[in-house]
PDB file of N, CA and C in Angstrom:
ATOM      1  N   THR A   1     130.536  66.675  44.059  1.00  0.00           N
ATOM      2  CA  THR A   1     129.753  66.584  42.845  1.00  0.00           C
ATOM      3  C   THR A   1     129.983  67.831  41.999  1.00  0.00           C
ATOM      4  N   LEU A   2     130.229  67.620  40.738  1.00  0.00           N
ATOM      5  CA  LEU A   2     130.425  68.716  39.797  1.00  0.00           C
ATOM      6  C   LEU A   2     129.070  69.218  39.314  1.00  0.00           C
ATOM      7  N   ASN A   3     128.872  70.524  39.393  1.00  0.00           N
ATOM      8  CA  ASN A   3     127.654  71.154  38.877  1.00  0.00           C
ATOM      9  C   ASN A   3     128.081  72.246  37.911  1.00  0.00           C
ATOM     10  N   VAL A   4     127.464  72.278  36.762  1.00  0.00           N
ATOM     11  CA  VAL A   4     127.821  73.256  35.743  1.00  0.00           C
ATOM     12  C   VAL A   4     126.560  73.975  35.265  1.00  0.00           C
ATOM     13  N   ASP A   5     126.754  75.081  34.567  1.00  0.00           N
ATOM     14  CA  ASP A   5     125.628  75.839  34.033  1.00  0.00           C
ATOM     15  C   ASP A   5     125.226  75.400  32.626  1.00  0.00           C
ATOM     16  N   VAL A   6     126.221  74.949  31.851  1.00  0.00           N
ATOM     17  CA  VAL A   6     125.975  74.562  30.461  1.00  0.00           C
ATOM     18  C   VAL A   6     126.756  73.299  30.136  1.00  0.00           C
ATOM     19  N   VAL A   7     126.115  72.387  29.439  1.00  0.00           N
ATOM     20  CA  VAL A   7     126.786  71.215  28.875  1.00  0.00           C
ATOM     21  C   VAL A   7     126.718  71.362  27.365  1.00  0.00           C
ATOM     22  N   LEU A   8     127.879  71.318  26.717  1.00  0.00           N
ATOM     23  CA  LEU A   8     127.970  71.363  25.255  1.00  0.00           C
ATOM     24  C   LEU A   8     128.354  69.971  24.770  1.00  0.00           C
ATOM     25  N   ALA A   9     127.653  69.490  23.764  1.00  0.00           N
ATOM     26  CA  ALA A   9     127.947  68.166  23.212  1.00  0.00           C
ATOM     27  C   ALA A   9     127.750  68.226  21.700  1.00  0.00           C
ATOM     28  N   SER A  10     128.549  67.447  20.985  1.00  0.00           N
ATOM     29  CA  SER A  10     128.445  67.434  19.538  1.00  0.00           C
ATOM     30  C   SER A  10     128.671  66.028  19.007  1.00  0.00           C
ATOM     31  N   GLU A  11     127.733  65.587  18.179  1.00  0.00           N
ATOM     32  CA  GLU A  11     127.819  64.280  17.533  1.00  0.00           C
ATOM     33  C   GLU A  11     128.143  63.160  18.514  1.00  0.00           C
ATOM     34  N   VAL A  12     127.341  63.072  19.575  1.00  0.00           N
ATOM     35  CA  VAL A  12     127.535  62.036  20.592  1.00  0.00           C
ATOM     36  C   VAL A  12     126.454  60.958  20.539  1.00  0.00           C
ATOM     37  N   LEU A  13     125.531  61.078  19.623  1.00  0.00           N
ATOM     38  CA  LEU A  13     124.414  60.131  19.555  1.00  0.00           C
ATOM     39  C   LEU A  13     124.674  59.060  18.496  1.00  0.00           C
ATOM     40  N   TYR A  14     125.505  58.107  18.859  1.00  0.00           N
ATOM     41  CA  TYR A  14     125.888  57.045  17.920  1.00  0.00           C
ATOM     42  C   TYR A  14     125.350  55.669  18.293  1.00  0.00           C
ATOM     43  N   ASP A  15     124.923  55.495  19.533  1.00  0.00           N
ATOM     44  CA  ASP A  15     124.534  54.164  20.000  1.00  0.00           C
ATOM     45  C   ASP A  15     123.281  54.297  20.862  1.00  0.00           C
ATOM     46  N   LYS A  16     122.175  53.786  20.364  1.00  0.00           N
ATOM     47  CA  LYS A  16     120.899  53.913  21.057  1.00  0.00           C
ATOM     48  C   LYS A  16     120.947  53.316  22.465  1.00  0.00           C
ATOM     49  N   SER A  17     121.767  52.302  22.665  1.00  0.00           N
ATOM     50  CA  SER A  17     121.847  51.671  23.987  1.00  0.00           C
ATOM     51  C   SER A  17     122.575  52.545  25.005  1.00  0.00           C
ATOM     52  N   GLU A  18     123.212  53.629  24.557  1.00  0.00           N
ATOM     53  CA  GLU A  18     123.958  54.509  25.463  1.00  0.00           C
ATOM     54  C   GLU A  18     123.248  55.826  25.781  1.00  0.00           C
ATOM     55  N   VAL A  19     122.095  56.079  25.154  1.00  0.00           N
ATOM     56  CA  VAL A  19     121.448  57.374  25.361  1.00  0.00           C
ATOM     57  C   VAL A  19     120.966  57.567  26.795  1.00  0.00           C
ATOM     58  N   ALA A  20     120.540  56.505  27.462  1.00  0.00           N
ATOM     59  CA  ALA A  20     120.097  56.629  28.859  1.00  0.00           C
ATOM     60  C   ALA A  20     121.261  57.056  29.751  1.00  0.00           C
ATOM     61  N   SER A  21     122.424  56.478  29.543  1.00  0.00           N
ATOM     62  CA  SER A  21     123.608  56.848  30.331  1.00  0.00           C
ATOM     63  C   SER A  21     124.003  58.297  30.073  1.00  0.00           C
ATOM     64  N   LEU A  22     123.945  58.725  28.823  1.00  0.00           N
ATOM     65  CA  LEU A  22     124.276  60.103  28.479  1.00  0.00           C
ATOM     66  C   LEU A  22     123.282  61.064  29.133  1.00  0.00           C
ATOM     67  N   ALA A  23     121.999  60.738  29.079  1.00  0.00           N
ATOM     68  CA  ALA A  23     120.969  61.585  29.695  1.00  0.00           C
ATOM     69  C   ALA A  23     121.166  61.666  31.210  1.00  0.00           C
ATOM     70  N   GLN A  24     121.513  60.572  31.848  1.00  0.00           N
ATOM     71  CA  GLN A  24     121.767  60.571  33.293  1.00  0.00           C
ATOM     72  C   GLN A  24     122.974  61.433  33.636  1.00  0.00           C
ATOM     73  N   CYS A  25     124.011  61.374  32.825  1.00  0.00           N
ATOM     74  CA  CYS A  25     125.208  62.191  33.040  1.00  0.00           C
ATOM     75  C   CYS A  25     124.869  63.674  32.915  1.00  0.00           C
ATOM     76  N   VAL A  26     124.153  64.047  31.866  1.00  0.00           N
ATOM     77  CA  VAL A  26     123.761  65.440  31.658  1.00  0.00           C
ATOM     78  C   VAL A  26     122.901  65.914  32.836  1.00  0.00           C
ATOM     79  N   SER A  27     121.956  65.107  33.243  1.00  0.00           N
ATOM     80  CA  SER A  27     121.087  65.451  34.356  1.00  0.00           C
ATOM     81  C   SER A  27     121.879  65.654  35.645  1.00  0.00           C
ATOM     82  N   ALA A  28     122.829  64.778  35.909  1.00  0.00           N
ATOM     83  CA  ALA A  28     123.648  64.894  37.124  1.00  0.00           C
ATOM     84  C   ALA A  28     124.437  66.197  37.143  1.00  0.00           C
ATOM     85  N   LEU A  29     124.874  66.650  35.985  1.00  0.00           N
ATOM     86  CA  LEU A  29     125.644  67.889  35.901  1.00  0.00           C
ATOM     87  C   LEU A  29     124.774  69.141  36.021  1.00  0.00           C
ATOM     88  N   LEU A  30     123.532  69.071  35.540  1.00  0.00           N
ATOM     89  CA  LEU A  30     122.711  70.271  35.416  1.00  0.00           C
ATOM     90  C   LEU A  30     121.541  70.383  36.390  1.00  0.00           C
ATOM     91  N   LYS A  31     121.054  69.291  36.899  1.00  0.00           N
ATOM     92  CA  LYS A  31     119.781  69.299  37.601  1.00  0.00           C
ATOM     93  C   LYS A  31     119.809  70.052  38.943  1.00  0.00           C
ATOM     94  N   LYS A  32     120.882  69.934  39.691  1.00  0.00           N
ATOM     95  CA  LYS A  32     120.908  70.510  41.037  1.00  0.00           C
ATOM     96  C   LYS A  32     120.763  72.029  41.036  1.00  0.00           C
ATOM     97  N   ARG A  33     121.566  72.726  40.238  1.00  0.00           N
ATOM     98  CA  ARG A  33     121.518  74.192  40.188  1.00  0.00           C
ATOM     99  C   ARG A  33     120.673  74.713  39.041  1.00  0.00           C
ATOM    100  N   GLY A  34     120.387  73.882  38.098  1.00  0.00           N
ATOM    101  CA  GLY A  34     119.701  74.317  36.887  1.00  0.00           C
ATOM    102  C   GLY A  34     120.715  74.703  35.838  1.00  0.00           C
ATOM    103  N   GLY A  35     120.443  74.364  34.608  1.00  0.00           N
ATOM    104  CA  GLY A  35     121.360  74.678  33.532  1.00  0.00           C
ATOM    105  C   GLY A  35     120.796  74.243  32.204  1.00  0.00           C
ATOM    106  N   THR A  36     121.619  74.398  31.178  1.00  0.00           N
ATOM    107  CA  THR A  36     121.171  74.156  29.805  1.00  0.00           C
ATOM    108  C   THR A  36     122.092  73.191  29.083  1.00  0.00           C
ATOM    109  N   LEU A  37     121.496  72.285  28.345  1.00  0.00           N
ATOM    110  CA  LEU A  37     122.209  71.398  27.432  1.00  0.00           C
ATOM    111  C   LEU A  37     122.077  71.961  26.033  1.00  0.00           C
ATOM    112  N   LEU A  38     123.187  72.058  25.311  1.00  0.00           N
ATOM    113  CA  LEU A  38     123.199  72.383  23.884  1.00  0.00           C
ATOM    114  C   LEU A  38     123.942  71.253  23.189  1.00  0.00           C
ATOM    115  N   LEU A  39     123.230  70.512  22.374  1.00  0.00           N
ATOM    116  CA  LEU A  39     123.798  69.349  21.703  1.00  0.00           C
ATOM    117  C   LEU A  39     123.610  69.508  20.204  1.00  0.00           C
ATOM    118  N   THR A  40     124.697  69.417  19.446  1.00  0.00           N
ATOM    119  CA  THR A  40     124.578  69.472  17.987  1.00  0.00           C
ATOM    120  C   THR A  40     124.685  68.063  17.426  1.00  0.00           C
ATOM    121  N   ASP A  41     123.988  67.861  16.336  1.00  0.00           N
ATOM    122  CA  ASP A  41     123.941  66.546  15.709  1.00  0.00           C
ATOM    123  C   ASP A  41     123.619  66.749  14.227  1.00  0.00           C
ATOM    124  N   PRO A  42     124.139  65.906  13.364  1.00  0.00           N
ATOM    125  CA  PRO A  42     123.758  66.017  11.954  1.00  0.00           C
ATOM    126  C   PRO A  42     122.251  65.797  11.795  1.00  0.00           C
ATOM    127  N   ARG A  43     121.613  66.590  10.933  1.00  0.00           N
ATOM    128  CA  ARG A  43     120.177  66.391  10.712  1.00  0.00           C
ATOM    129  C   ARG A  43     119.908  64.941  10.312  1.00  0.00           C
ATOM    130  N   ARG A  44     120.730  64.428   9.422  1.00  0.00           N
ATOM    131  CA  ARG A  44     120.605  63.015   9.030  1.00  0.00           C
ATOM    132  C   ARG A  44     121.400  62.203  10.051  1.00  0.00           C
ATOM    133  N   GLU A  45     120.682  61.622  10.984  1.00  0.00           N
ATOM    134  CA  GLU A  45     121.316  60.934  12.111  1.00  0.00           C
ATOM    135  C   GLU A  45     122.268  59.833  11.667  1.00  0.00           C
ATOM    136  N   ARG A  46     123.360  59.705  12.386  1.00  0.00           N
ATOM    137  CA  ARG A  46     124.310  58.605  12.147  1.00  0.00           C
ATOM    138  C   ARG A  46     123.693  57.273  12.570  1.00  0.00           C
ATOM    139  N   ALA A  47     122.909  57.323  13.651  1.00  0.00           N
ATOM    140  CA  ALA A  47     122.219  56.129  14.149  1.00  0.00           C
ATOM    141  C   ALA A  47     120.738  56.496  14.288  1.00  0.00           C
ATOM    142  N   PRO A  48     119.933  56.159  13.292  1.00  0.00           N
ATOM    143  CA  PRO A  48     118.521  56.548  13.305  1.00  0.00           C
ATOM    144  C   PRO A  48     117.814  56.163  14.605  1.00  0.00           C
ATOM    145  N   GLY A  49     117.067  57.122  15.130  1.00  0.00           N
ATOM    146  CA  GLY A  49     116.305  56.902  16.351  1.00  0.00           C
ATOM    147  C   GLY A  49     117.013  57.328  17.626  1.00  0.00           C
ATOM    148  N   CYS A  50     118.318  57.582  17.562  1.00  0.00           N
ATOM    149  CA  CYS A  50     119.064  57.977  18.767  1.00  0.00           C
ATOM    150  C   CYS A  50     118.594  59.317  19.317  1.00  0.00           C
ATOM    151  N   ARG A  51     118.381  60.285  18.443  1.00  0.00           N
ATOM    152  CA  ARG A  51     117.996  61.617  18.915  1.00  0.00           C
ATOM    153  C   ARG A  51     116.655  61.558  19.636  1.00  0.00           C
ATOM    154  N   GLU A  52     115.684  60.892  19.038  1.00  0.00           N
ATOM    155  CA  GLU A  52     114.365  60.766  19.658  1.00  0.00           C
ATOM    156  C   GLU A  52     114.456  60.030  20.999  1.00  0.00           C
ATOM    157  N   ALA A  53     115.248  58.962  21.042  1.00  0.00           N
ATOM    158  CA  ALA A  53     115.426  58.207  22.291  1.00  0.00           C
ATOM    159  C   ALA A  53     116.102  59.065  23.354  1.00  0.00           C
ATOM    160  N   PHE A  54     117.095  59.861  22.946  1.00  0.00           N
ATOM    161  CA  PHE A  54     117.795  60.727  23.888  1.00  0.00           C
ATOM    162  C   PHE A  54     116.851  61.790  24.445  1.00  0.00           C
ATOM    163  N   ILE A  55     116.056  62.404  23.576  1.00  0.00           N
ATOM    164  CA  ILE A  55     115.108  63.424  24.033  1.00  0.00           C
ATOM    165  C   ILE A  55     114.115  62.824  25.029  1.00  0.00           C
ATOM    166  N   SER A  56     113.649  61.651  24.764  1.00  0.00           N
ATOM    167  CA  SER A  56     112.744  60.970  25.688  1.00  0.00           C
ATOM    168  C   SER A  56     113.426  60.745  27.042  1.00  0.00           C
ATOM    169  N   GLU A  57     114.680  60.338  27.002  1.00  0.00           N
ATOM    170  CA  GLU A  57     115.432  60.082  28.240  1.00  0.00           C
ATOM    171  C   GLU A  57     115.699  61.358  29.033  1.00  0.00           C
ATOM    172  N   ILE A  58     116.056  62.453  28.358  1.00  0.00           N
ATOM    173  CA  ILE A  58     116.331  63.672  29.121  1.00  0.00           C
ATOM    174  C   ILE A  58     115.044  64.259  29.708  1.00  0.00           C
ATOM    175  N   LYS A  59     113.938  64.071  29.015  1.00  0.00           N
ATOM    176  CA  LYS A  59     112.659  64.499  29.591  1.00  0.00           C
ATOM    177  C   LYS A  59     112.352  63.679  30.838  1.00  0.00           C
ATOM    178  N   ALA A  60     112.607  62.382  30.784  1.00  0.00           N
ATOM    179  CA  ALA A  60     112.399  61.516  31.947  1.00  0.00           C
ATOM    180  C   ALA A  60     113.318  61.908  33.108  1.00  0.00           C
ATOM    181  N   GLU A  61     114.466  62.486  32.781  1.00  0.00           N
ATOM    182  CA  GLU A  61     115.420  62.943  33.795  1.00  0.00           C
ATOM    183  C   GLU A  61     115.061  64.326  34.347  1.00  0.00           C
ATOM    184  N   GLY A  62     114.019  64.951  33.822  1.00  0.00           N
ATOM    185  CA  GLY A  62     113.562  66.223  34.355  1.00  0.00           C
ATOM    186  C   GLY A  62     113.828  67.439  33.491  1.00  0.00           C
ATOM    187  N   ALA A  63     114.287  67.240  32.272  1.00  0.00           N
ATOM    188  CA  ALA A  63     114.519  68.381  31.383  1.00  0.00           C
ATOM    189  C   ALA A  63     113.187  68.995  30.973  1.00  0.00           C
ATOM    190  N   ASN A  64     113.194  70.320  30.827  1.00  0.00           N
ATOM    191  CA  ASN A  64     112.000  70.999  30.333  1.00  0.00           C
ATOM    192  C   ASN A  64     112.420  71.932  29.209  1.00  0.00           C
ATOM    193  N   ASP A  65     111.462  72.489  28.527  1.00  0.00           N
ATOM    194  CA  ASP A  65     111.743  73.368  27.384  1.00  0.00           C
ATOM    195  C   ASP A  65     112.694  72.720  26.382  1.00  0.00           C
ATOM    196  N   VAL A  66     112.457  71.475  26.051  1.00  0.00           N
ATOM    197  CA  VAL A  66     113.299  70.774  25.086  1.00  0.00           C
ATOM    198  C   VAL A  66     112.895  71.207  23.680  1.00  0.00           C
ATOM    199  N   SER A  67     113.878  71.626  22.885  1.00  0.00           N
ATOM    200  CA  SER A  67     113.582  72.060  21.520  1.00  0.00           C
ATOM    201  C   SER A  67     114.675  71.581  20.569  1.00  0.00           C
ATOM    202  N   ILE A  68     114.300  71.504  19.302  1.00  0.00           N
ATOM    203  CA  ILE A  68     115.238  71.148  18.241  1.00  0.00           C
ATOM    204  C   ILE A  68     115.180  72.254  17.205  1.00  0.00           C
ATOM    205  N   SER A  69     116.346  72.802  16.868  1.00  0.00           N
ATOM    206  CA  SER A  69     116.432  73.861  15.859  1.00  0.00           C
ATOM    207  C   SER A  69     117.376  73.424  14.758  1.00  0.00           C
ATOM    208  N   SER A  70     117.076  73.828  13.535  1.00  0.00           N
ATOM    209  CA  SER A  70     117.951  73.528  12.400  1.00  0.00           C
ATOM    210  C   SER A  70     118.877  74.699  12.131  1.00  0.00           C
ATOM    211  N   ILE A  71     120.060  74.373  11.661  1.00  0.00           N
ATOM    212  CA  ILE A  71     121.005  75.389  11.202  1.00  0.00           C
ATOM    213  C   ILE A  71     121.246  75.109   9.731  1.00  0.00           C
ATOM    214  N   ASP A  72     120.984  76.082   8.917  1.00  0.00           N
ATOM    215  CA  ASP A  72     121.197  75.961   7.479  1.00  0.00           C
ATOM    216  C   ASP A  72     122.672  75.699   7.201  1.00  0.00           C
ATOM    217  N   ALA A  73     122.943  74.736   6.374  1.00  0.00           N
ATOM    218  CA  ALA A  73     124.314  74.371   6.047  1.00  0.00           C
ATOM    219  C   ALA A  73     125.097  75.510   5.428  1.00  0.00           C
ATOM    220  N   ASN A  74     124.412  76.473   4.849  1.00  0.00           N
ATOM    221  CA  ASN A  74     125.100  77.595   4.210  1.00  0.00           C
ATOM    222  C   ASN A  74     125.241  78.822   5.100  1.00  0.00           C
ATOM    223  N   SER A  75     124.765  78.728   6.353  1.00  0.00           N
ATOM    224  CA  SER A  75     124.862  79.890   7.240  1.00  0.00           C
ATOM    225  C   SER A  75     126.274  80.008   7.797  1.00  0.00           C
ATOM    226  N   ASN A  76     126.630  81.188   8.240  1.00  0.00           N
ATOM    227  CA  ASN A  76     127.939  81.419   8.834  1.00  0.00           C
ATOM    228  C   ASN A  76     128.070  80.764  10.194  1.00  0.00           C
ATOM    229  N   VAL A  77     126.957  80.390  10.810  1.00  0.00           N
ATOM    230  CA  VAL A  77     126.979  79.789  12.134  1.00  0.00           C
ATOM    231  C   VAL A  77     127.507  78.361  12.076  1.00  0.00           C
ATOM    232  N   VAL A  78     127.388  77.691  10.948  1.00  0.00           N
ATOM    233  CA  VAL A  78     127.756  76.284  10.849  1.00  0.00           C
ATOM    234  C   VAL A  78     129.177  76.032  11.328  1.00  0.00           C
ATOM    235  N   GLY A  79     130.123  76.841  10.929  1.00  0.00           N
ATOM    236  CA  GLY A  79     131.500  76.647  11.359  1.00  0.00           C
ATOM    237  C   GLY A  79     131.673  76.776  12.855  1.00  0.00           C
ATOM    238  N   MET A  80     130.819  77.566  13.491  1.00  0.00           N
ATOM    239  CA  MET A  80     130.931  77.767  14.934  1.00  0.00           C
ATOM    240  C   MET A  80     130.374  76.595  15.727  1.00  0.00           C
ATOM    241  N   VAL A  81     129.571  75.755  15.121  1.00  0.00           N
ATOM    242  CA  VAL A  81     128.977  74.643  15.856  1.00  0.00           C
ATOM    243  C   VAL A  81     129.402  73.301  15.280  1.00  0.00           C
ATOM    244  N   GLY A  82     130.533  73.256  14.660  1.00  0.00           N
ATOM    245  CA  GLY A  82     131.054  71.993  14.191  1.00  0.00           C
ATOM    246  C   GLY A  82     130.664  71.623  12.787  1.00  0.00           C
ATOM    247  N   GLY A  83     130.215  72.566  12.009  1.00  0.00           N
ATOM    248  CA  GLY A  83     129.886  72.268  10.621  1.00  0.00           C
ATOM    249  C   GLY A  83     131.139  71.869   9.863  1.00  0.00           C
ATOM    250  N   ASN A  84     130.981  71.017   8.896  1.00  0.00           N
ATOM    251  CA  ASN A  84     132.152  70.537   8.181  1.00  0.00           C
ATOM    252  C   ASN A  84     132.228  71.074   6.762  1.00  0.00           C
ATOM    253  N   ASN A  85     131.450  72.100   6.486  1.00  0.00           N
ATOM    254  CA  ASN A  85     131.474  72.783   5.190  1.00  0.00           C
ATOM    255  C   ASN A  85     131.213  71.881   3.993  1.00  0.00           C
ATOM    256  N   ASN A  86     130.615  70.728   4.213  1.00  0.00           N
ATOM    257  CA  ASN A  86     130.275  69.884   3.074  1.00  0.00           C
ATOM    258  C   ASN A  86     128.783  69.949   2.759  1.00  0.00           C
ATOM    259  N   GLY A  87     128.121  70.963   3.320  1.00  0.00           N
ATOM    260  CA  GLY A  87     126.705  71.138   3.045  1.00  0.00           C
ATOM    261  C   GLY A  87     125.785  70.331   3.935  1.00  0.00           C
ATOM    262  N   GLU A  88     126.326  69.669   4.938  1.00  0.00           N
ATOM    263  CA  GLU A  88     125.501  68.865   5.832  1.00  0.00           C
ATOM    264  C   GLU A  88     124.781  69.757   6.827  1.00  0.00           C
ATOM    265  N   GLU A  89     123.475  69.595   6.917  1.00  0.00           N
ATOM    266  CA  GLU A  89     122.682  70.383   7.845  1.00  0.00           C
ATOM    267  C   GLU A  89     122.845  69.847   9.265  1.00  0.00           C
ATOM    268  N   ILE A  90     122.807  70.763  10.226  1.00  0.00           N
ATOM    269  CA  ILE A  90     123.010  70.420  11.623  1.00  0.00           C
ATOM    270  C   ILE A  90     121.779  70.843  12.411  1.00  0.00           C
ATOM    271  N   VAL A  91     121.458  70.083  13.454  1.00  0.00           N
ATOM    272  CA  VAL A  91     120.394  70.477  14.369  1.00  0.00           C
ATOM    273  C   VAL A  91     121.001  70.698  15.747  1.00  0.00           C
ATOM    274  N   ILE A  92     120.356  71.574  16.503  1.00  0.00           N
ATOM    275  CA  ILE A  92     120.744  71.806  17.889  1.00  0.00           C
ATOM    276  C   ILE A  92     119.591  71.367  18.769  1.00  0.00           C
ATOM    277  N   VAL A  93     119.886  70.493  19.710  1.00  0.00           N
ATOM    278  CA  VAL A  93     118.925  70.099  20.733  1.00  0.00           C
ATOM    279  C   VAL A  93     119.239  70.951  21.963  1.00  0.00           C
ATOM    280  N   ARG A  94     118.236  71.658  22.445  1.00  0.00           N
ATOM    281  CA  ARG A  94     118.405  72.491  23.636  1.00  0.00           C
ATOM    282  C   ARG A  94     117.439  71.986  24.691  1.00  0.00           C
ATOM    283  N   ALA A  95     117.938  71.827  25.914  1.00  0.00           N
ATOM    284  CA  ALA A  95     117.088  71.389  27.015  1.00  0.00           C
ATOM    285  C   ALA A  95     117.527  72.109  28.286  1.00  0.00           C
ATOM    286  N   ASN A  96     116.559  72.572  29.037  1.00  0.00           N
ATOM    287  CA  ASN A  96     116.833  73.231  30.308  1.00  0.00           C
ATOM    288  C   ASN A  96     116.492  72.306  31.459  1.00  0.00           C
ATOM    289  N   PHE A  97     117.278  72.401  32.503  1.00  0.00           N
ATOM    290  CA  PHE A  97     117.030  71.640  33.724  1.00  0.00           C
ATOM    291  C   PHE A  97     116.865  72.625  34.877  1.00  0.00           C
ATOM    292  N   GLY A  98     115.840  72.442  35.672  1.00  0.00           N
ATOM    293  CA  GLY A  98     115.709  73.193  36.898  1.00  0.00           C
ATOM    294  C   GLY A  98     115.133  74.588  36.795  1.00  0.00           C
ATOM    295  N   PHE A  99     114.893  75.088  35.610  1.00  0.00           N
ATOM    296  CA  PHE A  99     114.263  76.388  35.445  1.00  0.00           C
ATOM    297  C   PHE A  99     113.569  76.429  34.098  1.00  0.00           C
ATOM    298  N   ARG A 100     112.709  77.358  33.949  1.00  0.00           N
ATOM    299  CA  ARG A 100     111.998  77.518  32.675  1.00  0.00           C
ATOM    300  C   ARG A 100     112.322  78.878  32.096  1.00  0.00           C
ATOM    301  N   ARG A 101     112.452  78.924  30.745  1.00  0.00           N
ATOM    302  CA  ARG A 101     112.720  80.210  30.094  1.00  0.00           C
ATOM    303  C   ARG A 101     111.482  81.050  30.092  1.00  0.00           C
TER     304      ARG A 101
END
């Protein structure tokens, strides 16, 4: 079994019917040793409701300290997290498994 400390994901929330599978995969990678998920997604969701459904699923899988942060489209950080320089705002979903900050 593969265990990692961090899972990075970007723009993976396109199909509401797949969020449970994604949450189970993230949990399988992080839950045993503890770790952090960092997921970026456009503020304006490609598939409305996917982010909320995913957060619900990862909480059910045992994630704690789940938070959503915005990144200003004009900040220098945008390019580092997949910003496309067209002014689109990005959010980061952070969730910890197995430990609390």
